[in-house]
């Protein structure tokens, strides 16, 4: 295989070897090979004809201290989180950390690539893009020492802003009451709601469009607000996967991690978690913004979609 030279090289391996063997003066060799005398002197001093690496012999960051790098390396090895998730988590402790500085740090320590997981990776498909106002809605069961509760969850497909409510019964009444609660909180117009075929949201398929079917309060509220109520295909829960994933996130942060002596303890913790999620959790899918920051960003570009100014919902001493 031939020699691969970098773009600024003026000599080949053969010329360099000839310079090292020759006893002629620097000026004579410079004239013979048509190169600068300094280049001749450089190769005469070396024992090898290979190019040396450029840059510092011991690469280090000009931004991060050794303590910062040790923190980054320990965090990456312990959590195995992707690059962007590491960035969002570490910026709270290292505010001057940038994505490029983090990537170079991981490269220097040989941990820029996460280990491959055995087995074939499922092909990821992108959701169809919708303007804000498309909500996925579902119900989940949770437990405290006092007994069972039902958790209504709604999450915006685009902004990822989520709303929850704990109730003692999951029936048609609590379903439409949660819908009214959702409409009172969201500062922009909701144009679509996607639910499963549960009896809380719709008649069973066999009873629809029959003589004894009747309009549901849930659908009447949707119609009054100009909302399209969509239903998932029966026995296809993955169609409503966004809210299913949000259910899992909430459970992993609450009932699967902590024991609650009362329903009120769970309600308090759930409210704190949802406030932290909506107003403090930076999401990769939103380019590092929190759901609330993304809503405010849309407010500046598409104010016609909003009912009220979302900046009025910023958490503060009186909330």
C-alpha atoms as a PDB file:
ATOM      1  CA  UNK A   1       0.000   0.000   0.000  1.00  0.00           C
ATOM      2  CA  UNK A   2       1.339   3.467  -0.882  1.00  0.00           C
ATOM      3  CA  UNK A   3       2.163   6.172   1.605  1.00  0.00           C
ATOM      4  CA  UNK A   4      -0.725   8.324   2.851  1.00  0.00           C
ATOM      5  CA  UNK A   5       0.495  11.888   3.333  1.00  0.00           C
ATOM      6  CA  UNK A   6      -1.250  14.757   5.041  1.00  0.00           C
ATOM      7  CA  UNK A   7      -2.199  17.780   2.937  1.00  0.00           C
ATOM      8  CA  UNK A   8       0.750  19.981   3.948  1.00  0.00           C
ATOM      9  CA  UNK A   9       3.524  17.376   3.472  1.00  0.00           C
ATOM     10  CA  UNK A  10       6.352  18.377   1.043  1.00  0.00           C
ATOM     11  CA  UNK A  11       8.341  15.147   1.321  1.00  0.00           C
ATOM     12  CA  UNK A  12       7.792  11.420   0.898  1.00  0.00           C
ATOM     13  CA  UNK A  13       9.138   8.537   2.982  1.00  0.00           C
ATOM     14  CA  UNK A  14      11.841   7.990   0.343  1.00  0.00           C
ATOM     15  CA  UNK A  15      13.003  11.634   0.438  1.00  0.00           C
ATOM     16  CA  UNK A  16      13.077  11.616   4.225  1.00  0.00           C
ATOM     17  CA  UNK A  17      15.159   8.424   4.285  1.00  0.00           C
ATOM     18  CA  UNK A  18      17.562   9.921   1.717  1.00  0.00           C
ATOM     19  CA  UNK A  19      17.995  13.040   3.875  1.00  0.00           C
ATOM     20  CA  UNK A  20      18.789  10.901   6.932  1.00  0.00           C
ATOM     21  CA  UNK A  21      21.406   8.861   4.994  1.00  0.00           C
ATOM     22  CA  UNK A  22      23.072  11.825   3.239  1.00  0.00           C
ATOM     23  CA  UNK A  23      26.170  13.610   4.553  1.00  0.00           C
ATOM     24  CA  UNK A  24      25.579  16.685   2.334  1.00  0.00           C
ATOM     25  CA  UNK A  25      24.906  20.123   3.809  1.00  0.00           C
ATOM     26  CA  UNK A  26      21.445  21.427   4.579  1.00  0.00           C
ATOM     27  CA  UNK A  27      21.674  23.963   1.740  1.00  0.00           C
ATOM     28  CA  UNK A  28      22.704  21.299  -0.791  1.00  0.00           C
ATOM     29  CA  UNK A  29      19.881  18.942   0.194  1.00  0.00           C
ATOM     30  CA  UNK A  30      17.404  21.806   0.222  1.00  0.00           C
ATOM     31  CA  UNK A  31      18.351  22.736  -3.345  1.00  0.00           C
ATOM     32  CA  UNK A  32      18.404  19.091  -4.481  1.00  0.00           C
ATOM     33  CA  UNK A  33      14.906  18.250  -3.240  1.00  0.00           C
ATOM     34  CA  UNK A  34      13.373  21.721  -3.590  1.00  0.00           C
ATOM     35  CA  UNK A  35      12.340  22.042   0.049  1.00  0.00           C
ATOM     36  CA  UNK A  36      12.982  24.462   2.904  1.00  0.00           C
ATOM     37  CA  UNK A  37      16.276  23.992   4.823  1.00  0.00           C
ATOM     38  CA  UNK A  38      14.259  23.838   8.063  1.00  0.00           C
ATOM     39  CA  UNK A  39      12.422  20.798   6.689  1.00  0.00           C
ATOM     40  CA  UNK A  40      15.750  19.139   5.889  1.00  0.00           C
ATOM     41  CA  UNK A  41      17.015  19.851   9.416  1.00  0.00           C
ATOM     42  CA  UNK A  42      13.814  18.466  10.966  1.00  0.00           C
ATOM     43  CA  UNK A  43      14.009  15.111   9.161  1.00  0.00           C
ATOM     44  CA  UNK A  44      17.750  14.777   9.680  1.00  0.00           C
ATOM     45  CA  UNK A  45      17.209  14.886  13.467  1.00  0.00           C
ATOM     46  CA  UNK A  46      14.467  12.259  13.477  1.00  0.00           C
ATOM     47  CA  UNK A  47      14.934   8.491  13.620  1.00  0.00           C
ATOM     48  CA  UNK A  48      11.697   7.688  11.785  1.00  0.00           C
ATOM     49  CA  UNK A  49      10.197   8.737   8.455  1.00  0.00           C
ATOM     50  CA  UNK A  50       6.598   8.632   9.768  1.00  0.00           C
ATOM     51  CA  UNK A  51       4.588  11.783  10.452  1.00  0.00           C
ATOM     52  CA  UNK A  52       4.068  12.573  14.112  1.00  0.00           C
ATOM     53  CA  UNK A  53       0.717  13.430  15.637  1.00  0.00           C
ATOM     54  CA  UNK A  54      -0.110  17.111  15.881  1.00  0.00           C
ATOM     55  CA  UNK A  55      -1.498  18.824  18.959  1.00  0.00           C
ATOM     56  CA  UNK A  56      -0.501  18.439  22.620  1.00  0.00           C
ATOM     57  CA  UNK A  57       1.161  15.216  23.713  1.00  0.00           C
ATOM     58  CA  UNK A  58      -1.238  14.970  26.653  1.00  0.00           C
ATOM     59  CA  UNK A  59      -4.651  16.220  25.452  1.00  0.00           C
ATOM     60  CA  UNK A  60      -6.613  18.111  28.098  1.00  0.00           C
ATOM     61  CA  UNK A  61      -9.545  20.473  28.219  1.00  0.00           C
ATOM     62  CA  UNK A  62      -9.074  24.229  28.316  1.00  0.00           C
ATOM     63  CA  UNK A  63     -12.537  24.593  29.878  1.00  0.00           C
ATOM     64  CA  UNK A  64     -12.925  21.668  32.287  1.00  0.00           C
ATOM     65  CA  UNK A  65     -10.832  21.098  35.379  1.00  0.00           C
ATOM     66  CA  UNK A  66      -9.554  17.679  36.433  1.00  0.00           C
ATOM     67  CA  UNK A  67     -12.337  17.553  39.043  1.00  0.00           C
ATOM     68  CA  UNK A  68     -14.941  18.317  36.386  1.00  0.00           C
ATOM     69  CA  UNK A  69     -13.606  15.577  34.113  1.00  0.00           C
ATOM     70  CA  UNK A  70     -13.555  13.063  36.972  1.00  0.00           C
ATOM     71  CA  UNK A  71     -17.185  13.903  37.748  1.00  0.00           C
ATOM     72  CA  UNK A  72     -18.197  13.514  34.100  1.00  0.00           C
ATOM     73  CA  UNK A  73     -16.416  10.170  33.696  1.00  0.00           C
ATOM     74  CA  UNK A  74     -17.882   8.768  36.930  1.00  0.00           C
ATOM     75  CA  UNK A  75     -21.389   9.907  35.976  1.00  0.00           C
ATOM     76  CA  UNK A  76     -21.164   8.384  32.480  1.00  0.00           C
ATOM     77  CA  UNK A  77     -19.818   5.048  33.712  1.00  0.00           C
ATOM     78  CA  UNK A  78     -22.409   4.818  36.483  1.00  0.00           C
ATOM     79  CA  UNK A  79     -25.509   5.837  34.505  1.00  0.00           C
ATOM     80  CA  UNK A  80     -24.633   4.834  30.908  1.00  0.00           C
ATOM     81  CA  UNK A  81     -26.875   7.672  29.741  1.00  0.00           C
ATOM     82  CA  UNK A  82     -26.694   9.035  26.166  1.00  0.00           C
ATOM     83  CA  UNK A  83     -24.659  12.172  25.454  1.00  0.00           C
ATOM     84  CA  UNK A  84     -27.539  14.663  25.582  1.00  0.00           C
ATOM     85  CA  UNK A  85     -29.033  13.199  28.762  1.00  0.00           C
ATOM     86  CA  UNK A  86     -25.600  13.416  30.424  1.00  0.00           C
ATOM     87  CA  UNK A  87     -25.321  17.042  29.294  1.00  0.00           C
ATOM     88  CA  UNK A  88     -28.686  18.081  30.747  1.00  0.00           C
ATOM     89  CA  UNK A  89     -28.005  16.301  34.050  1.00  0.00           C
ATOM     90  CA  UNK A  90     -24.442  17.627  34.484  1.00  0.00           C
ATOM     91  CA  UNK A  91     -25.112  21.238  33.510  1.00  0.00           C
ATOM     92  CA  UNK A  92     -26.772  21.792  36.875  1.00  0.00           C
ATOM     93  CA  UNK A  93     -23.377  21.135  38.531  1.00  0.00           C
ATOM     94  CA  UNK A  94     -21.133  22.356  35.666  1.00  0.00           C
ATOM     95  CA  UNK A  95     -23.034  25.300  34.111  1.00  0.00           C
ATOM     96  CA  UNK A  96     -20.254  26.098  31.589  1.00  0.00           C
ATOM     97  CA  UNK A  97     -20.310  22.561  30.166  1.00  0.00           C
ATOM     98  CA  UNK A  98     -21.116  22.485  26.443  1.00  0.00           C
ATOM     99  CA  UNK A  99     -22.096  19.539  24.279  1.00  0.00           C
ATOM    100  CA  UNK A 100     -18.821  19.629  22.336  1.00  0.00           C
ATOM    101  CA  UNK A 101     -16.716  19.869  25.520  1.00  0.00           C
ATOM    102  CA  UNK A 102     -18.576  16.898  26.981  1.00  0.00           C
ATOM    103  CA  UNK A 103     -18.116  14.860  23.786  1.00  0.00           C
ATOM    104  CA  UNK A 104     -14.366  15.576  23.669  1.00  0.00           C
ATOM    105  CA  UNK A 105     -14.010  14.669  27.351  1.00  0.00           C
ATOM    106  CA  UNK A 106     -15.706  11.314  26.803  1.00  0.00           C
ATOM    107  CA  UNK A 107     -13.512  10.691  23.757  1.00  0.00           C
ATOM    108  CA  UNK A 108     -10.322  11.388  25.731  1.00  0.00           C
ATOM    109  CA  UNK A 109     -11.321   8.792  28.305  1.00  0.00           C
ATOM    110  CA  UNK A 110     -12.462   6.205  25.758  1.00  0.00           C
ATOM    111  CA  UNK A 111     -16.131   6.169  26.781  1.00  0.00           C
ATOM    112  CA  UNK A 112     -17.687   8.195  23.969  1.00  0.00           C
ATOM    113  CA  UNK A 113     -19.586   5.118  22.716  1.00  0.00           C
ATOM    114  CA  UNK A 114     -21.997   3.203  24.906  1.00  0.00           C
ATOM    115  CA  UNK A 115     -21.618  -0.588  24.924  1.00  0.00           C
ATOM    116  CA  UNK A 116     -23.803  -2.376  22.385  1.00  0.00           C
ATOM    117  CA  UNK A 117     -26.723  -4.314  23.787  1.00  0.00           C
ATOM    118  CA  UNK A 118     -27.092  -7.897  22.633  1.00  0.00           C
ATOM    119  CA  UNK A 119     -29.927  -8.601  20.243  1.00  0.00           C
ATOM    120  CA  UNK A 120     -31.397  -6.703  17.345  1.00  0.00           C
ATOM    121  CA  UNK A 121     -32.535  -3.161  18.046  1.00  0.00           C
ATOM    122  CA  UNK A 122     -36.108  -2.395  17.139  1.00  0.00           C
ATOM    123  CA  UNK A 123     -36.439   0.012  14.274  1.00  0.00           C
ATOM    124  CA  UNK A 124     -37.572   3.337  15.687  1.00  0.00           C
ATOM    125  CA  UNK A 125     -40.328   5.145  13.858  1.00  0.00           C
ATOM    126  CA  UNK A 126     -41.026   8.845  14.169  1.00  0.00           C
ATOM    127  CA  UNK A 127     -44.432  10.079  15.247  1.00  0.00           C
ATOM    128  CA  UNK A 128     -46.328  12.164  12.760  1.00  0.00           C
ATOM    129  CA  UNK A 129     -45.768  15.832  13.541  1.00  0.00           C
ATOM    130  CA  UNK A 130     -48.740  17.764  14.907  1.00  0.00           C
ATOM    131  CA  UNK A 131     -49.079  21.307  16.264  1.00  0.00           C
ATOM    132  CA  UNK A 132     -49.403  21.570  20.031  1.00  0.00           C
ATOM    133  CA  UNK A 133     -52.830  20.605  21.314  1.00  0.00           C
ATOM    134  CA  UNK A 134     -52.876  16.848  20.499  1.00  0.00           C
ATOM    135  CA  UNK A 135     -53.291  15.046  23.845  1.00  0.00           C
ATOM    136  CA  UNK A 136     -52.943  11.346  24.629  1.00  0.00           C
ATOM    137  CA  UNK A 137     -55.109  10.324  27.600  1.00  0.00           C
ATOM    138  CA  UNK A 138     -55.157   7.150  29.705  1.00  0.00           C
ATOM    139  CA  UNK A 139     -55.883   5.665  33.152  1.00  0.00           C
ATOM    140  CA  UNK A 140     -53.552   3.679  35.432  1.00  0.00           C
ATOM    141  CA  UNK A 141     -53.957   1.995  38.828  1.00  0.00           C
ATOM    142  CA  UNK A 142     -51.769   2.919  41.810  1.00  0.00           C
ATOM    143  CA  UNK A 143     -51.686   1.726  45.427  1.00  0.00           C
ATOM    144  CA  UNK A 144     -51.077   3.256  48.844  1.00  0.00           C
ATOM    145  CA  UNK A 145     -51.518   1.776  52.324  1.00  0.00           C
ATOM    146  CA  UNK A 146     -55.112   3.068  52.270  1.00  0.00           C
ATOM    147  CA  UNK A 147     -55.939   1.130  49.116  1.00  0.00           C
ATOM    148  CA  UNK A 148     -56.333   1.596  45.383  1.00  0.00           C
ATOM    149  CA  UNK A 149     -56.481   4.857  43.429  1.00  0.00           C
ATOM    150  CA  UNK A 150     -56.850   5.603  39.737  1.00  0.00           C
ATOM    151  CA  UNK A 151     -54.476   7.962  37.957  1.00  0.00           C
ATOM    152  CA  UNK A 152     -55.694   9.942  34.955  1.00  0.00           C
ATOM    153  CA  UNK A 153     -52.795  11.080  32.762  1.00  0.00           C
ATOM    154  CA  UNK A 154     -52.819  13.359  29.714  1.00  0.00           C
ATOM    155  CA  UNK A 155     -49.699  14.332  27.750  1.00  0.00           C
ATOM    156  CA  UNK A 156     -49.316  16.608  24.746  1.00  0.00           C
ATOM    157  CA  UNK A 157     -47.875  14.721  21.781  1.00  0.00           C
ATOM    158  CA  UNK A 158     -45.697  17.692  20.753  1.00  0.00           C
ATOM    159  CA  UNK A 159     -44.878  19.823  23.807  1.00  0.00           C
ATOM    160  CA  UNK A 160     -44.795  16.808  26.218  1.00  0.00           C
ATOM    161  CA  UNK A 161     -46.636  18.939  28.796  1.00  0.00           C
ATOM    162  CA  UNK A 162     -48.460  16.514  31.122  1.00  0.00           C
ATOM    163  CA  UNK A 163     -51.439  16.782  33.471  1.00  0.00           C
ATOM    164  CA  UNK A 164     -52.480  14.207  36.082  1.00  0.00           C
ATOM    165  CA  UNK A 165     -55.276  13.663  38.578  1.00  0.00           C
ATOM    166  CA  UNK A 166     -55.833  10.999  41.251  1.00  0.00           C
ATOM    167  CA  UNK A 167     -59.394   9.743  41.774  1.00  0.00           C
ATOM    168  CA  UNK A 168     -61.004   6.961  43.789  1.00  0.00           C
ATOM    169  CA  UNK A 169     -63.170   5.717  40.920  1.00  0.00           C
ATOM    170  CA  UNK A 170     -62.467   5.436  37.189  1.00  0.00           C
ATOM    171  CA  UNK A 171     -65.890   5.865  35.645  1.00  0.00           C
ATOM    172  CA  UNK A 172     -67.489   8.064  33.020  1.00  0.00           C
ATOM    173  CA  UNK A 173     -68.063  10.910  35.458  1.00  0.00           C
ATOM    174  CA  UNK A 174     -64.447  11.110  36.638  1.00  0.00           C
ATOM    175  CA  UNK A 175     -63.318  10.856  32.996  1.00  0.00           C
ATOM    176  CA  UNK A 176     -65.231  13.926  31.833  1.00  0.00           C
ATOM    177  CA  UNK A 177     -64.362  15.767  35.056  1.00  0.00           C
ATOM    178  CA  UNK A 178     -60.679  15.138  34.296  1.00  0.00           C
ATOM    179  CA  UNK A 179     -61.231  16.446  30.758  1.00  0.00           C
ATOM    180  CA  UNK A 180     -62.696  19.663  32.202  1.00  0.00           C
ATOM    181  CA  UNK A 181     -59.720  19.857  34.607  1.00  0.00           C
ATOM    182  CA  UNK A 182     -57.354  19.466  31.638  1.00  0.00           C
ATOM    183  CA  UNK A 183     -59.107  22.227  29.699  1.00  0.00           C
ATOM    184  CA  UNK A 184     -58.869  24.583  32.681  1.00  0.00           C
ATOM    185  CA  UNK A 185     -55.075  24.103  32.991  1.00  0.00           C
ATOM    186  CA  UNK A 186     -53.778  24.061  29.414  1.00  0.00           C
ATOM    187  CA  UNK A 187     -53.148  27.637  28.166  1.00  0.00           C
ATOM    188  CA  UNK A 188     -53.605  26.756  24.475  1.00  0.00           C
ATOM    189  CA  UNK A 189     -56.417  25.249  22.411  1.00  0.00           C
ATOM    190  CA  UNK A 190     -56.687  21.465  22.388  1.00  0.00           C
ATOM    191  CA  UNK A 191     -57.644  20.215  18.930  1.00  0.00           C
ATOM    192  CA  UNK A 192     -57.401  16.406  19.339  1.00  0.00           C
ATOM    193  CA  UNK A 193     -57.678  13.879  22.174  1.00  0.00           C
ATOM    194  CA  UNK A 194     -56.681  10.231  21.718  1.00  0.00           C
ATOM    195  CA  UNK A 195     -58.001   7.624  24.175  1.00  0.00           C
ATOM    196  CA  UNK A 196     -58.435   3.880  24.219  1.00  0.00           C
ATOM    197  CA  UNK A 197     -61.847   2.175  23.949  1.00  0.00           C
ATOM    198  CA  UNK A 198     -62.447   2.021  27.703  1.00  0.00           C
ATOM    199  CA  UNK A 199     -66.024   2.491  28.901  1.00  0.00           C
ATOM    200  CA  UNK A 200     -64.920   5.715  30.616  1.00  0.00           C
ATOM    201  CA  UNK A 201     -64.301   7.335  27.227  1.00  0.00           C
ATOM    202  CA  UNK A 202     -66.585   5.634  24.680  1.00  0.00           C
ATOM    203  CA  UNK A 203     -69.325   3.089  24.113  1.00  0.00           C
ATOM    204  CA  UNK A 204     -68.179  -0.438  23.422  1.00  0.00           C
ATOM    205  CA  UNK A 205     -67.725  -1.077  19.666  1.00  0.00           C
ATOM    206  CA  UNK A 206     -70.689  -3.473  19.559  1.00  0.00           C
ATOM    207  CA  UNK A 207     -73.026  -0.789  20.982  1.00  0.00           C
ATOM    208  CA  UNK A 208     -72.025   2.096  18.722  1.00  0.00           C
ATOM    209  CA  UNK A 209     -74.478   3.472  16.167  1.00  0.00           C
ATOM    210  CA  UNK A 210     -77.312   1.350  17.478  1.00  0.00           C
ATOM    211  CA  UNK A 211     -80.824   2.247  18.592  1.00  0.00           C
ATOM    212  CA  UNK A 212     -79.859   2.216  22.290  1.00  0.00           C
ATOM    213  CA  UNK A 213     -76.565   4.110  21.971  1.00  0.00           C
ATOM    214  CA  UNK A 214     -76.528   7.603  23.437  1.00  0.00           C
ATOM    215  CA  UNK A 215     -74.069  10.505  23.365  1.00  0.00           C
ATOM    216  CA  UNK A 216     -71.516  10.522  26.168  1.00  0.00           C
ATOM    217  CA  UNK A 217     -70.723  13.574  28.294  1.00  0.00           C
ATOM    218  CA  UNK A 218     -67.035  13.189  27.397  1.00  0.00           C
ATOM    219  CA  UNK A 219     -67.826  13.513  23.673  1.00  0.00           C
ATOM    220  CA  UNK A 220     -70.252  16.384  24.308  1.00  0.00           C
ATOM    221  CA  UNK A 221     -67.507  18.378  26.059  1.00  0.00           C
ATOM    222  CA  UNK A 222     -65.115  17.657  23.193  1.00  0.00           C
ATOM    223  CA  UNK A 223     -67.668  18.824  20.644  1.00  0.00           C
ATOM    224  CA  UNK A 224     -68.407  21.997  22.626  1.00  0.00           C
ATOM    225  CA  UNK A 225     -64.704  22.943  22.557  1.00  0.00           C
ATOM    226  CA  UNK A 226     -64.088  21.930  18.947  1.00  0.00           C
ATOM    227  CA  UNK A 227     -61.984  18.921  19.924  1.00  0.00           C
ATOM    228  CA  UNK A 228     -61.740  15.783  17.792  1.00  0.00           C
ATOM    229  CA  UNK A 229     -62.020  12.679  19.980  1.00  0.00           C
ATOM    230  CA  UNK A 230     -60.067   9.810  18.437  1.00  0.00           C
ATOM    231  CA  UNK A 231     -60.059   6.208  19.619  1.00  0.00           C
ATOM    232  CA  UNK A 232     -57.248   3.707  19.308  1.00  0.00           C
ATOM    233  CA  UNK A 233     -57.764   0.519  17.333  1.00  0.00           C
ATOM    234  CA  UNK A 234     -59.128  -2.178  19.679  1.00  0.00           C
ATOM    235  CA  UNK A 235     -56.407  -4.411  21.188  1.00  0.00           C
ATOM    236  CA  UNK A 236     -53.658  -2.043  19.951  1.00  0.00           C
ATOM    237  CA  UNK A 237     -52.478  -0.245  23.136  1.00  0.00           C
ATOM    238  CA  UNK A 238     -49.182   0.788  21.507  1.00  0.00           C
ATOM    239  CA  UNK A 239     -51.162   3.282  19.404  1.00  0.00           C
ATOM    240  CA  UNK A 240     -51.406   5.339  22.603  1.00  0.00           C
ATOM    241  CA  UNK A 241     -47.776   4.665  23.492  1.00  0.00           C
ATOM    242  CA  UNK A 242     -46.821   8.198  24.555  1.00  0.00           C
ATOM    243  CA  UNK A 243     -49.179   8.239  27.517  1.00  0.00           C
ATOM    244  CA  UNK A 244     -48.370   4.596  28.321  1.00  0.00           C
ATOM    245  CA  UNK A 245     -44.712   5.602  28.610  1.00  0.00           C
ATOM    246  CA  UNK A 246     -45.640   8.596  30.775  1.00  0.00           C
ATOM    247  CA  UNK A 247     -47.606   6.279  33.065  1.00  0.00           C
ATOM    248  CA  UNK A 248     -44.485   4.178  33.528  1.00  0.00           C
ATOM    249  CA  UNK A 249     -42.320   7.235  34.196  1.00  0.00           C
ATOM    250  CA  UNK A 250     -44.712   8.466  36.894  1.00  0.00           C
ATOM    251  CA  UNK A 251     -44.954   5.058  38.563  1.00  0.00           C
ATOM    252  CA  UNK A 252     -41.175   4.590  38.570  1.00  0.00           C
ATOM    253  CA  UNK A 253     -40.796   7.953  40.330  1.00  0.00           C
ATOM    254  CA  UNK A 254     -43.584   7.352  42.874  1.00  0.00           C
ATOM    255  CA  UNK A 255     -45.332   4.101  43.804  1.00  0.00           C
ATOM    256  CA  UNK A 256     -42.580   1.770  42.543  1.00  0.00           C
ATOM    257  CA  UNK A 257     -39.939   3.611  44.553  1.00  0.00           C
ATOM    258  CA  UNK A 258     -41.707   4.804  47.709  1.00  0.00           C
ATOM    259  CA  UNK A 259     -44.268   3.543  50.201  1.00  0.00           C
ATOM    260  CA  UNK A 260     -47.173   5.884  50.957  1.00  0.00           C
ATOM    261  CA  UNK A 261     -49.141   5.610  54.199  1.00  0.00           C
ATOM    262  CA  UNK A 262     -51.996   7.673  52.818  1.00  0.00           C
ATOM    263  CA  UNK A 263     -53.553   8.877  49.597  1.00  0.00           C
ATOM    264  CA  UNK A 264     -52.666  12.442  50.575  1.00  0.00           C
ATOM    265  CA  UNK A 265     -48.937  11.595  50.708  1.00  0.00           C
ATOM    266  CA  UNK A 266     -49.111  10.242  47.164  1.00  0.00           C
ATOM    267  CA  UNK A 267     -51.065  13.285  45.937  1.00  0.00           C
ATOM    268  CA  UNK A 268     -48.473  15.657  47.429  1.00  0.00           C
ATOM    269  CA  UNK A 269     -45.528  13.779  45.943  1.00  0.00           C
ATOM    270  CA  UNK A 270     -47.247  13.424  42.572  1.00  0.00           C
ATOM    271  CA  UNK A 271     -47.899  17.179  42.408  1.00  0.00           C
ATOM    272  CA  UNK A 272     -44.240  17.884  43.218  1.00  0.00           C
ATOM    273  CA  UNK A 273     -43.034  15.409  40.601  1.00  0.00           C
ATOM    274  CA  UNK A 274     -45.292  16.813  37.869  1.00  0.00           C
ATOM    275  CA  UNK A 275     -44.152  20.363  38.640  1.00  0.00           C
ATOM    276  CA  UNK A 276     -40.524  19.231  38.395  1.00  0.00           C
ATOM    277  CA  UNK A 277     -41.251  17.406  35.125  1.00  0.00           C
ATOM    278  CA  UNK A 278     -43.185  20.183  33.379  1.00  0.00           C
ATOM    279  CA  UNK A 279     -41.060  23.094  34.566  1.00  0.00           C
ATOM    280  CA  UNK A 280     -37.626  21.573  35.221  1.00  0.00           C
ATOM    281  CA  UNK A 281     -36.983  18.422  33.180  1.00  0.00           C
ATOM    282  CA  UNK A 282     -35.081  19.102  29.960  1.00  0.00           C
ATOM    283  CA  UNK A 283     -36.005  16.701  27.180  1.00  0.00           C
ATOM    284  CA  UNK A 284     -33.865  15.624  24.233  1.00  0.00           C
ATOM    285  CA  UNK A 285     -36.892  15.481  21.935  1.00  0.00           C
ATOM    286  CA  UNK A 286     -37.480  19.195  22.684  1.00  0.00           C
ATOM    287  CA  UNK A 287     -33.825  20.107  21.938  1.00  0.00           C
ATOM    288  CA  UNK A 288     -32.998  20.502  25.618  1.00  0.00           C
ATOM    289  CA  UNK A 289     -36.041  22.584  26.591  1.00  0.00           C
ATOM    290  CA  UNK A 290     -38.488  21.750  29.362  1.00  0.00           C
ATOM    291  CA  UNK A 291     -42.137  21.202  28.338  1.00  0.00           C
ATOM    292  CA  UNK A 292     -43.037  24.612  29.795  1.00  0.00           C
ATOM    293  CA  UNK A 293     -40.157  26.344  27.972  1.00  0.00           C
ATOM    294  CA  UNK A 294     -41.281  24.732  24.721  1.00  0.00           C
ATOM    295  CA  UNK A 295     -44.852  25.988  25.251  1.00  0.00           C
ATOM    296  CA  UNK A 296     -43.498  29.515  25.860  1.00  0.00           C
ATOM    297  CA  UNK A 297     -41.404  29.218  22.696  1.00  0.00           C
ATOM    298  CA  UNK A 298     -44.522  28.357  20.661  1.00  0.00           C
ATOM    299  CA  UNK A 299     -46.327  31.281  22.329  1.00  0.00           C
ATOM    300  CA  UNK A 300     -43.820  33.703  20.802  1.00  0.00           C
ATOM    301  CA  UNK A 301     -44.173  32.251  17.276  1.00  0.00           C
ATOM    302  CA  UNK A 302     -47.842  31.137  17.188  1.00  0.00           C
ATOM    303  CA  UNK A 303     -49.803  33.207  19.743  1.00  0.00           C
ATOM    304  CA  UNK A 304     -53.063  32.573  17.881  1.00  0.00           C
ATOM    305  CA  UNK A 305     -53.108  29.009  19.275  1.00  0.00           C
ATOM    306  CA  UNK A 306     -53.293  30.256  22.864  1.00  0.00           C
ATOM    307  CA  UNK A 307     -56.173  31.156  25.139  1.00  0.00           C
ATOM    308  CA  UNK A 308     -54.029  32.884  27.767  1.00  0.00           C
ATOM    309  CA  UNK A 309     -50.401  33.944  28.065  1.00  0.00           C
ATOM    310  CA  UNK A 310     -48.549  30.799  29.316  1.00  0.00           C
ATOM    311  CA  UNK A 311     -45.916  32.889  31.113  1.00  0.00           C
ATOM    312  CA  UNK A 312     -48.595  33.623  33.717  1.00  0.00           C
ATOM    313  CA  UNK A 313     -48.319  29.982  34.790  1.00  0.00           C
ATOM    314  CA  UNK A 314     -44.696  30.250  35.873  1.00  0.00           C
ATOM    315  CA  UNK A 315     -44.320  28.636  39.335  1.00  0.00           C
ATOM    316  CA  UNK A 316     -43.661  31.124  42.095  1.00  0.00           C
ATOM    317  CA  UNK A 317     -44.167  31.909  45.790  1.00  0.00           C
ATOM    318  CA  UNK A 318     -47.960  32.092  45.417  1.00  0.00           C
ATOM    319  CA  UNK A 319     -48.456  28.859  43.469  1.00  0.00           C
END
